All heavy atoms as atom14 arrays in JSON, in Angstrom:
{
  "sequence": "VSMLAGKFDWTWLADRVRDPFTFFNMIIMALGTQSMDQIPPEMYSV",
  "atom14_mask": [
    [1, 1, 1, 1, 1, 1, 1, 0, 0, 0, 0, 0, 0, 0],
    [1, 1, 1, 1, 1, 1, 0, 0, 0, 0, 0, 0, 0, 0],
    [1, 1, 1, 1, 1, 1, 1, 1, 0, 0, 0, 0, 0, 0],
    [1, 1, 1, 1, 1, 1, 1, 1, 0, 0, 0, 0, 0, 0],
    [1, 1, 1, 1, 1, 0, 0, 0, 0, 0, 0, 0, 0, 0],
    [1, 1, 1, 1, 0, 0, 0, 0, 0, 0, 0, 0, 0, 0],
    [1, 1, 1, 1, 1, 1, 1, 1, 1, 0, 0, 0, 0, 0],
    [1, 1, 1, 1, 1, 1, 1, 1, 1, 1, 1, 0, 0, 0],
    [1, 1, 1, 1, 1, 1, 1, 1, 0, 0, 0, 0, 0, 0],
    [1, 1, 1, 1, 1, 1, 1, 1, 1, 1, 1, 1, 1, 1],
    [1, 1, 1, 1, 1, 1, 1, 0, 0, 0, 0, 0, 0, 0],
    [1, 1, 1, 1, 1, 1, 1, 1, 1, 1, 1, 1, 1, 1],
    [1, 1, 1, 1, 1, 1, 1, 1, 0, 0, 0, 0, 0, 0],
    [1, 1, 1, 1, 1, 0, 0, 0, 0, 0, 0, 0, 0, 0],
    [1, 1, 1, 1, 1, 1, 1, 1, 0, 0, 0, 0, 0, 0],
    [1, 1, 1, 1, 1, 1, 1, 1, 1, 1, 1, 0, 0, 0],
    [1, 1, 1, 1, 1, 1, 1, 0, 0, 0, 0, 0, 0, 0],
    [1, 1, 1, 1, 1, 1, 1, 1, 1, 1, 1, 0, 0, 0],
    [1, 1, 1, 1, 1, 1, 1, 1, 0, 0, 0, 0, 0, 0],
    [1, 1, 1, 1, 1, 1, 1, 0, 0, 0, 0, 0, 0, 0],
    [1, 1, 1, 1, 1, 1, 1, 1, 1, 1, 1, 0, 0, 0],
    [1, 1, 1, 1, 1, 1, 1, 0, 0, 0, 0, 0, 0, 0],
    [1, 1, 1, 1, 1, 1, 1, 1, 1, 1, 1, 0, 0, 0],
    [1, 1, 1, 1, 1, 1, 1, 1, 1, 1, 1, 0, 0, 0],
    [1, 1, 1, 1, 1, 1, 1, 1, 0, 0, 0, 0, 0, 0],
    [1, 1, 1, 1, 1, 1, 1, 1, 0, 0, 0, 0, 0, 0],
    [1, 1, 1, 1, 1, 1, 1, 1, 0, 0, 0, 0, 0, 0],
    [1, 1, 1, 1, 1, 1, 1, 1, 0, 0, 0, 0, 0, 0],
    [1, 1, 1, 1, 1, 1, 1, 1, 0, 0, 0, 0, 0, 0],
    [1, 1, 1, 1, 1, 0, 0, 0, 0, 0, 0, 0, 0, 0],
    [1, 1, 1, 1, 1, 1, 1, 1, 0, 0, 0, 0, 0, 0],
    [1, 1, 1, 1, 0, 0, 0, 0, 0, 0, 0, 0, 0, 0],
    [1, 1, 1, 1, 1, 1, 1, 0, 0, 0, 0, 0, 0, 0],
    [1, 1, 1, 1, 1, 1, 1, 1, 1, 0, 0, 0, 0, 0],
    [1, 1, 1, 1, 1, 1, 0, 0, 0, 0, 0, 0, 0, 0],
    [1, 1, 1, 1, 1, 1, 1, 1, 0, 0, 0, 0, 0, 0],
    [1, 1, 1, 1, 1, 1, 1, 1, 0, 0, 0, 0, 0, 0],
    [1, 1, 1, 1, 1, 1, 1, 1, 1, 0, 0, 0, 0, 0],
    [1, 1, 1, 1, 1, 1, 1, 1, 0, 0, 0, 0, 0, 0],
    [1, 1, 1, 1, 1, 1, 1, 0, 0, 0, 0, 0, 0, 0],
    [1, 1, 1, 1, 1, 1, 1, 0, 0, 0, 0, 0, 0, 0],
    [1, 1, 1, 1, 1, 1, 1, 1, 1, 0, 0, 0, 0, 0],
    [1, 1, 1, 1, 1, 1, 1, 1, 0, 0, 0, 0, 0, 0],
    [1, 1, 1, 1, 1, 1, 1, 1, 1, 1, 1, 1, 0, 0],
    [1, 1, 1, 1, 1, 1, 0, 0, 0, 0, 0, 0, 0, 0],
    [1, 1, 1, 1, 1, 1, 1, 0, 0, 0, 0, 0, 0, 0]
  ],
  "atom14_positions": [
    [[-70.42, 102.09, 78.25], [-69.75, 100.82, 78.58], [-68.24, 100.96, 78.42], [-67.46, 100.51, 79.28], [-70.29, 99.69, 77.7], [-69.49, 98.41, 77.91], [-71.77, 99.45, 77.98], [0.0, 0.0, 0.0], [0.0, 0.0, 0.0], [0.0, 0.0, 0.0], [0.0, 0.0, 0.0], [0.0, 0.0, 0.0], [0.0, 0.0, 0.0], [0.0, 0.0, 0.0]],
    [[-67.8, 101.6, 77.34], [-66.35, 101.77, 77.14], [-65.76, 102.7, 78.19], [-64.61, 102.53, 78.61], [-66.08, 102.31, 75.74], [-66.5, 103.65, 75.61], [0.0, 0.0, 0.0], [0.0, 0.0, 0.0], [0.0, 0.0, 0.0], [0.0, 0.0, 0.0], [0.0, 0.0, 0.0], [0.0, 0.0, 0.0], [0.0, 0.0, 0.0], [0.0, 0.0, 0.0]],
    [[-66.54, 103.67, 78.64], [-66.06, 104.57, 79.69], [-65.83, 103.79, 80.98], [-64.8, 103.95, 81.65], [-67.06, 105.7, 79.91], [-67.22, 106.64, 78.73], [-68.59, 107.81, 78.93], [-67.99, 108.82, 80.27], [0.0, 0.0, 0.0], [0.0, 0.0, 0.0], [0.0, 0.0, 0.0], [0.0, 0.0, 0.0], [0.0, 0.0, 0.0], [0.0, 0.0, 0.0]],
    [[-66.79, 102.93, 81.34], [-66.67, 102.16, 82.57], [-65.53, 101.15, 82.5], [-64.91, 100.81, 83.52], [-67.99, 101.44, 82.86], [-69.2, 102.35, 83.14], [-70.47, 101.52, 83.29], [-68.96, 103.19, 84.4], [0.0, 0.0, 0.0], [0.0, 0.0, 0.0], [0.0, 0.0, 0.0], [0.0, 0.0, 0.0], [0.0, 0.0, 0.0], [0.0, 0.0, 0.0]],
    [[-65.25, 100.68, 81.25], [-64.19, 99.69, 81.08], [-62.82, 100.33, 80.9], [-61.82, 99.63, 80.72], [-64.51, 98.8, 79.88], [0.0, 0.0, 0.0], [0.0, 0.0, 0.0], [0.0, 0.0, 0.0], [0.0, 0.0, 0.0], [0.0, 0.0, 0.0], [0.0, 0.0, 0.0], [0.0, 0.0, 0.0], [0.0, 0.0, 0.0], [0.0, 0.0, 0.0]],
    [[-62.77, 101.67, 80.89], [-61.5, 102.35, 80.7], [-61.0, 102.3, 79.27], [-59.8, 102.46, 79.02], [0.0, 0.0, 0.0], [0.0, 0.0, 0.0], [0.0, 0.0, 0.0], [0.0, 0.0, 0.0], [0.0, 0.0, 0.0], [0.0, 0.0, 0.0], [0.0, 0.0, 0.0], [0.0, 0.0, 0.0], [0.0, 0.0, 0.0], [0.0, 0.0, 0.0]],
    [[-61.9, 102.12, 78.3], [-61.5, 102.03, 76.89], [-62.21, 103.08, 76.04], [-62.5, 102.87, 74.87], [-61.84, 100.64, 76.35], [-61.11, 99.5, 77.06], [-61.51, 98.14, 76.48], [-60.78, 97.01, 77.2], [-61.18, 95.68, 76.66], [0.0, 0.0, 0.0], [0.0, 0.0, 0.0], [0.0, 0.0, 0.0], [0.0, 0.0, 0.0], [0.0, 0.0, 0.0]],
    [[-62.48, 104.23, 76.64], [-63.23, 105.27, 75.95], [-62.47, 105.75, 74.72], [-61.25, 105.91, 74.73], [-63.5, 106.45, 76.88], [-64.36, 107.52, 76.26], [-65.66, 107.26, 75.91], [-63.83, 108.79, 76.03], [-66.45, 108.25, 75.34], [-64.61, 109.78, 75.47], [-65.94, 109.51, 75.12], [0.0, 0.0, 0.0], [0.0, 0.0, 0.0], [0.0, 0.0, 0.0]],
    [[-63.21, 106.01, 73.63], [-62.62, 106.45, 72.36], [-62.51, 107.98, 72.37], [-63.47, 108.69, 72.08], [-63.49, 105.97, 71.2], [-62.89, 106.27, 69.84], [-61.92, 107.04, 69.78], [-63.4, 105.72, 68.84], [0.0, 0.0, 0.0], [0.0, 0.0, 0.0], [0.0, 0.0, 0.0], [0.0, 0.0, 0.0], [0.0, 0.0, 0.0], [0.0, 0.0, 0.0]],
    [[-61.31, 108.49, 72.64], [-61.11, 109.93, 72.73], [-61.16, 110.59, 71.35], [-61.49, 111.79, 71.24], [-59.81, 110.24, 73.45], [-59.85, 109.8, 74.89], [-59.3, 108.68, 75.42], [-60.54, 110.48, 75.95], [-59.59, 108.59, 76.77], [-60.34, 109.7, 77.12], [-61.28, 111.65, 76.05], [-60.86, 110.05, 78.36], [-61.79, 112.01, 77.29], [-61.59, 111.22, 78.42]],
    [[-60.87, 109.84, 70.31], [-61.02, 110.39, 68.96], [-62.48, 110.68, 68.67], [-62.82, 111.69, 68.05], [-60.45, 109.4, 67.92], [-59.07, 109.17, 68.2], [-60.61, 109.95, 66.51], [0.0, 0.0, 0.0], [0.0, 0.0, 0.0], [0.0, 0.0, 0.0], [0.0, 0.0, 0.0], [0.0, 0.0, 0.0], [0.0, 0.0, 0.0], [0.0, 0.0, 0.0]],
    [[-63.35, 109.79, 69.12], [-64.81, 110.01, 68.98], [-65.19, 111.34, 69.62], [-65.93, 112.14, 69.02], [-65.56, 108.85, 69.64], [-67.05, 109.01, 69.69], [-67.95, 108.57, 68.78], [-67.81, 109.68, 70.71], [-69.24, 108.9, 69.16], [-69.18, 109.58, 70.35], [-67.49, 110.34, 71.9], [-70.2, 110.13, 71.12], [-68.51, 110.89, 72.68], [-69.85, 110.79, 72.29]],
    [[-64.71, 111.58, 70.84], [-65.06, 112.81, 71.55], [-64.54, 114.04, 70.81], [-65.25, 115.04, 70.66], [-64.49, 112.77, 72.97], [-64.79, 114.01, 73.83], [-66.29, 114.2, 73.99], [-64.11, 113.88, 75.2], [0.0, 0.0, 0.0], [0.0, 0.0, 0.0], [0.0, 0.0, 0.0], [0.0, 0.0, 0.0], [0.0, 0.0, 0.0], [0.0, 0.0, 0.0]],
    [[-63.3, 113.97, 70.32], [-62.74, 115.1, 69.59], [-63.55, 115.39, 68.32], [-63.78, 116.57, 67.98], [-61.28, 114.82, 69.24], [0.0, 0.0, 0.0], [0.0, 0.0, 0.0], [0.0, 0.0, 0.0], [0.0, 0.0, 0.0], [0.0, 0.0, 0.0], [0.0, 0.0, 0.0], [0.0, 0.0, 0.0], [0.0, 0.0, 0.0], [0.0, 0.0, 0.0]],
    [[-63.99, 114.35, 67.65], [-64.8, 114.54, 66.45], [-66.14, 115.18, 66.77], [-66.63, 116.04, 66.02], [-65.01, 113.19, 65.75], [-63.75, 112.65, 65.1], [-62.84, 113.44, 64.83], [-63.69, 111.42, 64.89], [0.0, 0.0, 0.0], [0.0, 0.0, 0.0], [0.0, 0.0, 0.0], [0.0, 0.0, 0.0], [0.0, 0.0, 0.0], [0.0, 0.0, 0.0]],
    [[-66.74, 114.81, 67.91], [-68.03, 115.4, 68.26], [-67.86, 116.86, 68.68], [-68.72, 117.7, 68.37], [-68.69, 114.6, 69.4], [-69.09, 113.19, 69.02], [-70.04, 113.16, 67.82], [-70.47, 111.81, 67.54], [-69.81, 110.96, 66.76], [-68.69, 111.33, 66.15], [-70.26, 109.75, 66.56], [0.0, 0.0, 0.0], [0.0, 0.0, 0.0], [0.0, 0.0, 0.0]],
    [[-66.79, 117.17, 69.37], [-66.53, 118.56, 69.76], [-66.33, 119.41, 68.51], [-66.8, 120.56, 68.43], [-65.3, 118.65, 70.68], [-64.88, 120.1, 70.9], [-65.6, 117.98, 72.03], [0.0, 0.0, 0.0], [0.0, 0.0, 0.0], [0.0, 0.0, 0.0], [0.0, 0.0, 0.0], [0.0, 0.0, 0.0], [0.0, 0.0, 0.0], [0.0, 0.0, 0.0]],
    [[-65.67, 118.85, 67.51], [-65.4, 119.57, 66.27], [-66.68, 119.84, 65.49], [-66.82, 120.86, 64.83], [-64.42, 118.76, 65.42], [-63.94, 119.47, 64.16], [-62.98, 118.6, 63.35], [-61.86, 118.14, 64.18], [-61.66, 116.88, 64.55], [-62.53, 115.94, 64.17], [-60.63, 116.54, 65.28], [0.0, 0.0, 0.0], [0.0, 0.0, 0.0], [0.0, 0.0, 0.0]],
    [[-67.64, 118.93, 65.55], [-68.86, 119.05, 64.76], [-70.06, 118.54, 65.55], [-70.58, 117.46, 65.29], [-68.72, 118.26, 63.44], [-69.95, 118.38, 62.56], [-70.51, 119.48, 62.46], [-70.36, 117.36, 61.98], [0.0, 0.0, 0.0], [0.0, 0.0, 0.0], [0.0, 0.0, 0.0], [0.0, 0.0, 0.0], [0.0, 0.0, 0.0], [0.0, 0.0, 0.0]],
    [[-70.52, 119.33, 66.54], [-71.6, 118.82, 67.4], [-72.97, 118.85, 66.72], [-73.8, 117.97, 66.98], [-71.57, 119.78, 68.59], [-70.98, 121.04, 68.05], [-70.0, 120.62, 66.99], [0.0, 0.0, 0.0], [0.0, 0.0, 0.0], [0.0, 0.0, 0.0], [0.0, 0.0, 0.0], [0.0, 0.0, 0.0], [0.0, 0.0, 0.0], [0.0, 0.0, 0.0]],
    [[-73.23, 119.84, 65.86], [-74.56, 119.98, 65.27], [-74.44, 120.18, 63.76], [-74.5, 121.3, 63.26], [-75.31, 121.14, 65.91], [-75.61, 120.92, 67.37], [-74.91, 121.63, 68.34], [-76.55, 119.99, 67.76], [-75.18, 121.43, 69.68], [-76.82, 119.77, 69.1], [-76.13, 120.49, 70.06], [0.0, 0.0, 0.0], [0.0, 0.0, 0.0], [0.0, 0.0, 0.0]],
    [[-74.28, 119.08, 63.05], [-74.09, 119.11, 61.6], [-75.26, 119.79, 60.91], [-76.42, 119.45, 61.15], [-73.94, 117.69, 61.05], [-72.88, 117.04, 61.76], [-73.62, 117.69, 59.57], [0.0, 0.0, 0.0], [0.0, 0.0, 0.0], [0.0, 0.0, 0.0], [0.0, 0.0, 0.0], [0.0, 0.0, 0.0], [0.0, 0.0, 0.0], [0.0, 0.0, 0.0]],
    [[-74.95, 120.76, 60.05], [-75.91, 121.46, 59.2], [-76.89, 122.34, 59.96], [-77.71, 123.02, 59.32], [-76.7, 120.47, 58.34], [-75.98, 120.06, 57.09], [-76.25, 118.85, 56.49], [-75.04, 120.88, 56.5], [-75.59, 118.46, 55.33], [-74.37, 120.51, 55.35], [-74.65, 119.29, 54.76], [0.0, 0.0, 0.0], [0.0, 0.0, 0.0], [0.0, 0.0, 0.0]],
    [[-76.86, 122.34, 61.28], [-77.88, 123.14, 61.97], [-77.63, 124.63, 61.79], [-78.56, 125.44, 61.85], [-77.96, 122.77, 63.45], [-79.38, 122.68, 63.92], [-80.13, 121.54, 63.7], [-79.99, 123.75, 64.53], [-81.45, 121.46, 64.1], [-81.32, 123.69, 64.94], [-82.05, 122.54, 64.72], [0.0, 0.0, 0.0], [0.0, 0.0, 0.0], [0.0, 0.0, 0.0]],
    [[-76.37, 124.99, 61.57], [-76.09, 126.4, 61.27], [-76.79, 126.83, 59.99], [-77.19, 128.0, 59.85], [-74.58, 126.62, 61.17], [-73.95, 125.82, 60.04], [-74.33, 124.68, 59.79], [-72.97, 126.4, 59.37], [0.0, 0.0, 0.0], [0.0, 0.0, 0.0], [0.0, 0.0, 0.0], [0.0, 0.0, 0.0], [0.0, 0.0, 0.0], [0.0, 0.0, 0.0]],
    [[-76.97, 125.9, 59.05], [-77.67, 126.22, 57.8], [-79.14, 126.54, 58.07], [-79.71, 127.44, 57.44], [-77.55, 125.06, 56.82], [-76.13, 124.71, 56.41], [-75.37, 126.01, 55.44], [-73.78, 125.26, 55.08], [0.0, 0.0, 0.0], [0.0, 0.0, 0.0], [0.0, 0.0, 0.0], [0.0, 0.0, 0.0], [0.0, 0.0, 0.0], [0.0, 0.0, 0.0]],
    [[-79.74, 125.8, 58.98], [-81.14, 126.06, 59.31], [-81.29, 127.45, 59.92], [-82.21, 128.21, 59.58], [-81.67, 124.99, 60.29], [-81.56, 123.59, 59.66], [-83.1, 125.3, 60.69], [-82.36, 123.4, 58.41], [0.0, 0.0, 0.0], [0.0, 0.0, 0.0], [0.0, 0.0, 0.0], [0.0, 0.0, 0.0], [0.0, 0.0, 0.0], [0.0, 0.0, 0.0]],
    [[-80.38, 127.79, 60.81], [-80.43, 129.11, 61.45], [-80.27, 130.21, 60.4], [-80.98, 131.22, 60.41], [-79.34, 129.21, 62.54], [-79.64, 128.21, 63.67], [-79.25, 130.63, 63.09], [-78.54, 128.07, 64.68], [0.0, 0.0, 0.0], [0.0, 0.0, 0.0], [0.0, 0.0, 0.0], [0.0, 0.0, 0.0], [0.0, 0.0, 0.0], [0.0, 0.0, 0.0]],
    [[-79.33, 130.0, 59.47], [-79.13, 130.98, 58.4], [-80.38, 131.1, 57.53], [-80.79, 132.2, 57.15], [-77.95, 130.58, 57.53], [-76.6, 130.65, 58.21], [-75.31, 130.03, 57.09], [-73.93, 129.87, 58.23], [0.0, 0.0, 0.0], [0.0, 0.0, 0.0], [0.0, 0.0, 0.0], [0.0, 0.0, 0.0], [0.0, 0.0, 0.0], [0.0, 0.0, 0.0]],
    [[-80.99, 129.96, 57.2], [-82.16, 129.97, 56.32], [-83.32, 130.72, 56.95], [-84.09, 131.4, 56.26], [-82.57, 128.54, 56.0], [0.0, 0.0, 0.0], [0.0, 0.0, 0.0], [0.0, 0.0, 0.0], [0.0, 0.0, 0.0], [0.0, 0.0, 0.0], [0.0, 0.0, 0.0], [0.0, 0.0, 0.0], [0.0, 0.0, 0.0], [0.0, 0.0, 0.0]],
    [[-83.44, 130.61, 58.27], [-84.55, 131.27, 58.96], [-84.24, 132.71, 59.32], [-85.14, 133.53, 59.49], [-84.9, 130.49, 60.24], [-85.47, 129.08, 60.04], [-85.65, 128.38, 61.37], [-86.79, 129.14, 59.29], [0.0, 0.0, 0.0], [0.0, 0.0, 0.0], [0.0, 0.0, 0.0], [0.0, 0.0, 0.0], [0.0, 0.0, 0.0], [0.0, 0.0, 0.0]],
    [[-82.94, 133.03, 59.46], [-82.57, 134.36, 59.95], [-82.11, 135.34, 58.91], [-82.22, 136.56, 59.11], [0.0, 0.0, 0.0], [0.0, 0.0, 0.0], [0.0, 0.0, 0.0], [0.0, 0.0, 0.0], [0.0, 0.0, 0.0], [0.0, 0.0, 0.0], [0.0, 0.0, 0.0], [0.0, 0.0, 0.0], [0.0, 0.0, 0.0], [0.0, 0.0, 0.0]],
    [[-81.64, 134.88, 57.76], [-81.14, 135.8, 56.73], [-82.3, 136.59, 56.13], [-83.3, 136.0, 55.71], [-80.4, 135.01, 55.63], [-79.34, 134.27, 56.21], [-79.83, 135.96, 54.59], [0.0, 0.0, 0.0], [0.0, 0.0, 0.0], [0.0, 0.0, 0.0], [0.0, 0.0, 0.0], [0.0, 0.0, 0.0], [0.0, 0.0, 0.0], [0.0, 0.0, 0.0]],
    [[-82.15, 137.9, 56.07], [-83.27, 138.75, 55.69], [-83.44, 138.92, 54.18], [-84.56, 139.04, 53.69], [-83.1, 140.13, 56.34], [-83.16, 140.11, 57.85], [-84.53, 139.73, 58.37], [-85.56, 140.16, 57.84], [-84.58, 138.91, 59.4], [0.0, 0.0, 0.0], [0.0, 0.0, 0.0], [0.0, 0.0, 0.0], [0.0, 0.0, 0.0], [0.0, 0.0, 0.0]],
    [[-82.35, 138.97, 53.42], [-82.46, 139.25, 52.0], [-81.48, 138.39, 51.21], [-80.54, 137.83, 51.76], [-82.2, 140.73, 51.71], [-80.87, 141.07, 52.06], [0.0, 0.0, 0.0], [0.0, 0.0, 0.0], [0.0, 0.0, 0.0], [0.0, 0.0, 0.0], [0.0, 0.0, 0.0], [0.0, 0.0, 0.0], [0.0, 0.0, 0.0], [0.0, 0.0, 0.0]],
    [[-81.71, 138.31, 49.9], [-80.89, 137.43, 49.06], [-79.43, 137.84, 49.07], [-78.54, 136.99, 49.03], [-81.42, 137.45, 47.63], [-82.86, 136.97, 47.48], [-83.12, 135.29, 48.11], [-82.07, 134.38, 47.0], [0.0, 0.0, 0.0], [0.0, 0.0, 0.0], [0.0, 0.0, 0.0], [0.0, 0.0, 0.0], [0.0, 0.0, 0.0], [0.0, 0.0, 0.0]],
    [[-79.13, 139.15, 49.13], [-77.75, 139.58, 49.08], [-77.02, 139.37, 50.4], [-75.82, 139.63, 50.5], [-77.65, 141.05, 48.65], [-78.45, 141.99, 49.55], [-78.97, 141.52, 50.59], [-78.55, 143.18, 49.21], [0.0, 0.0, 0.0], [0.0, 0.0, 0.0], [0.0, 0.0, 0.0], [0.0, 0.0, 0.0], [0.0, 0.0, 0.0], [0.0, 0.0, 0.0]],
    [[-77.74, 138.88, 51.42], [-77.11, 138.6, 52.71], [-76.84, 137.11, 52.92], [-76.33, 136.73, 53.97], [-77.99, 139.11, 53.85], [-78.15, 140.62, 53.9], [-79.1, 141.06, 55.0], [-79.75, 140.25, 55.65], [-79.2, 142.37, 55.2], [0.0, 0.0, 0.0], [0.0, 0.0, 0.0], [0.0, 0.0, 0.0], [0.0, 0.0, 0.0], [0.0, 0.0, 0.0]],
    [[-77.18, 136.28, 51.96], [-76.99, 134.83, 52.12], [-75.51, 134.53, 52.28], [-74.7, 134.9, 51.41], [-77.59, 134.06, 50.94], [-79.12, 134.15, 50.98], [-77.16, 132.6, 50.97], [-79.8, 133.45, 49.85], [0.0, 0.0, 0.0], [0.0, 0.0, 0.0], [0.0, 0.0, 0.0], [0.0, 0.0, 0.0], [0.0, 0.0, 0.0], [0.0, 0.0, 0.0]],
    [[-75.1, 133.87, 53.37], [-73.67, 133.59, 53.6], [-73.11, 132.64, 52.55], [-73.81, 131.76, 52.05], [-73.67, 132.94, 54.99], [-74.97, 133.3, 55.6], [-75.94, 133.42, 54.47], [0.0, 0.0, 0.0], [0.0, 0.0, 0.0], [0.0, 0.0, 0.0], [0.0, 0.0, 0.0], [0.0, 0.0, 0.0], [0.0, 0.0, 0.0], [0.0, 0.0, 0.0]],
    [[-71.83, 132.81, 52.21], [-71.22, 131.94, 51.2], [-71.31, 130.45, 51.53], [-71.46, 129.63, 50.63], [-69.76, 132.42, 51.17], [-69.8, 133.83, 51.68], [-70.92, 133.86, 52.69], [0.0, 0.0, 0.0], [0.0, 0.0, 0.0], [0.0, 0.0, 0.0], [0.0, 0.0, 0.0], [0.0, 0.0, 0.0], [0.0, 0.0, 0.0], [0.0, 0.0, 0.0]],
    [[-71.24, 130.1, 52.83], [-71.25, 128.68, 53.19], [-72.57, 128.0, 52.86], [-72.65, 126.78, 52.76], [-70.9, 128.49, 54.67], [-71.78, 129.25, 55.64], [-71.19, 130.59, 56.05], [-70.61, 131.27, 55.17], [-71.31, 130.95, 57.23], [0.0, 0.0, 0.0], [0.0, 0.0, 0.0], [0.0, 0.0, 0.0], [0.0, 0.0, 0.0], [0.0, 0.0, 0.0]],
    [[-73.65, 128.79, 52.67], [-74.93, 128.19, 52.32], [-74.94, 127.7, 50.88], [-75.79, 126.87, 50.51], [-76.07, 129.19, 52.52], [-76.49, 129.37, 53.97], [-78.04, 130.27, 54.12], [-79.19, 129.05, 53.48], [0.0, 0.0, 0.0], [0.0, 0.0, 0.0], [0.0, 0.0, 0.0], [0.0, 0.0, 0.0], [0.0, 0.0, 0.0], [0.0, 0.0, 0.0]],
    [[-74.02, 128.19, 50.05], [-74.07, 127.84, 48.65], [-73.7, 126.38, 48.38], [-73.96, 125.85, 47.31], [-73.2, 128.79, 47.83], [-73.94, 130.05, 47.48], [-73.91, 131.15, 48.33], [-74.72, 130.13, 46.34], [-74.62, 132.3, 48.04], [-75.43, 131.28, 46.03], [-75.38, 132.37, 46.88], [-76.09, 133.5, 46.6], [0.0, 0.0, 0.0], [0.0, 0.0, 0.0]],
    [[-73.08, 125.71, 49.35], [-72.83, 124.27, 49.17], [-74.15, 123.5, 49.09], [-74.23, 122.45, 48.47], [-71.99, 123.72, 50.33], [-72.68, 123.84, 51.55], [0.0, 0.0, 0.0], [0.0, 0.0, 0.0], [0.0, 0.0, 0.0], [0.0, 0.0, 0.0], [0.0, 0.0, 0.0], [0.0, 0.0, 0.0], [0.0, 0.0, 0.0], [0.0, 0.0, 0.0]],
    [[-75.19, 124.06, 49.71], [-76.51, 123.45, 49.67], [-77.35, 124.03, 48.53], [-78.11, 123.32, 47.88], [-77.24, 123.64, 51.02], [-78.67, 123.13, 50.95], [-76.48, 122.93, 52.13], [0.0, 0.0, 0.0], [0.0, 0.0, 0.0], [0.0, 0.0, 0.0], [0.0, 0.0, 0.0], [0.0, 0.0, 0.0], [0.0, 0.0, 0.0], [0.0, 0.0, 0.0]]
  ]
}
């Protein structure tokens, strides 16, 4: 509706481009990491 009215929120779009799939990288790491010593540092927040 905002797009058709010419009032689209470009900040919204920038935020989605910056973070399209929240936490999904963690799922991929959890399923793909083979051993404990290979766990990426970013997983430790969880």
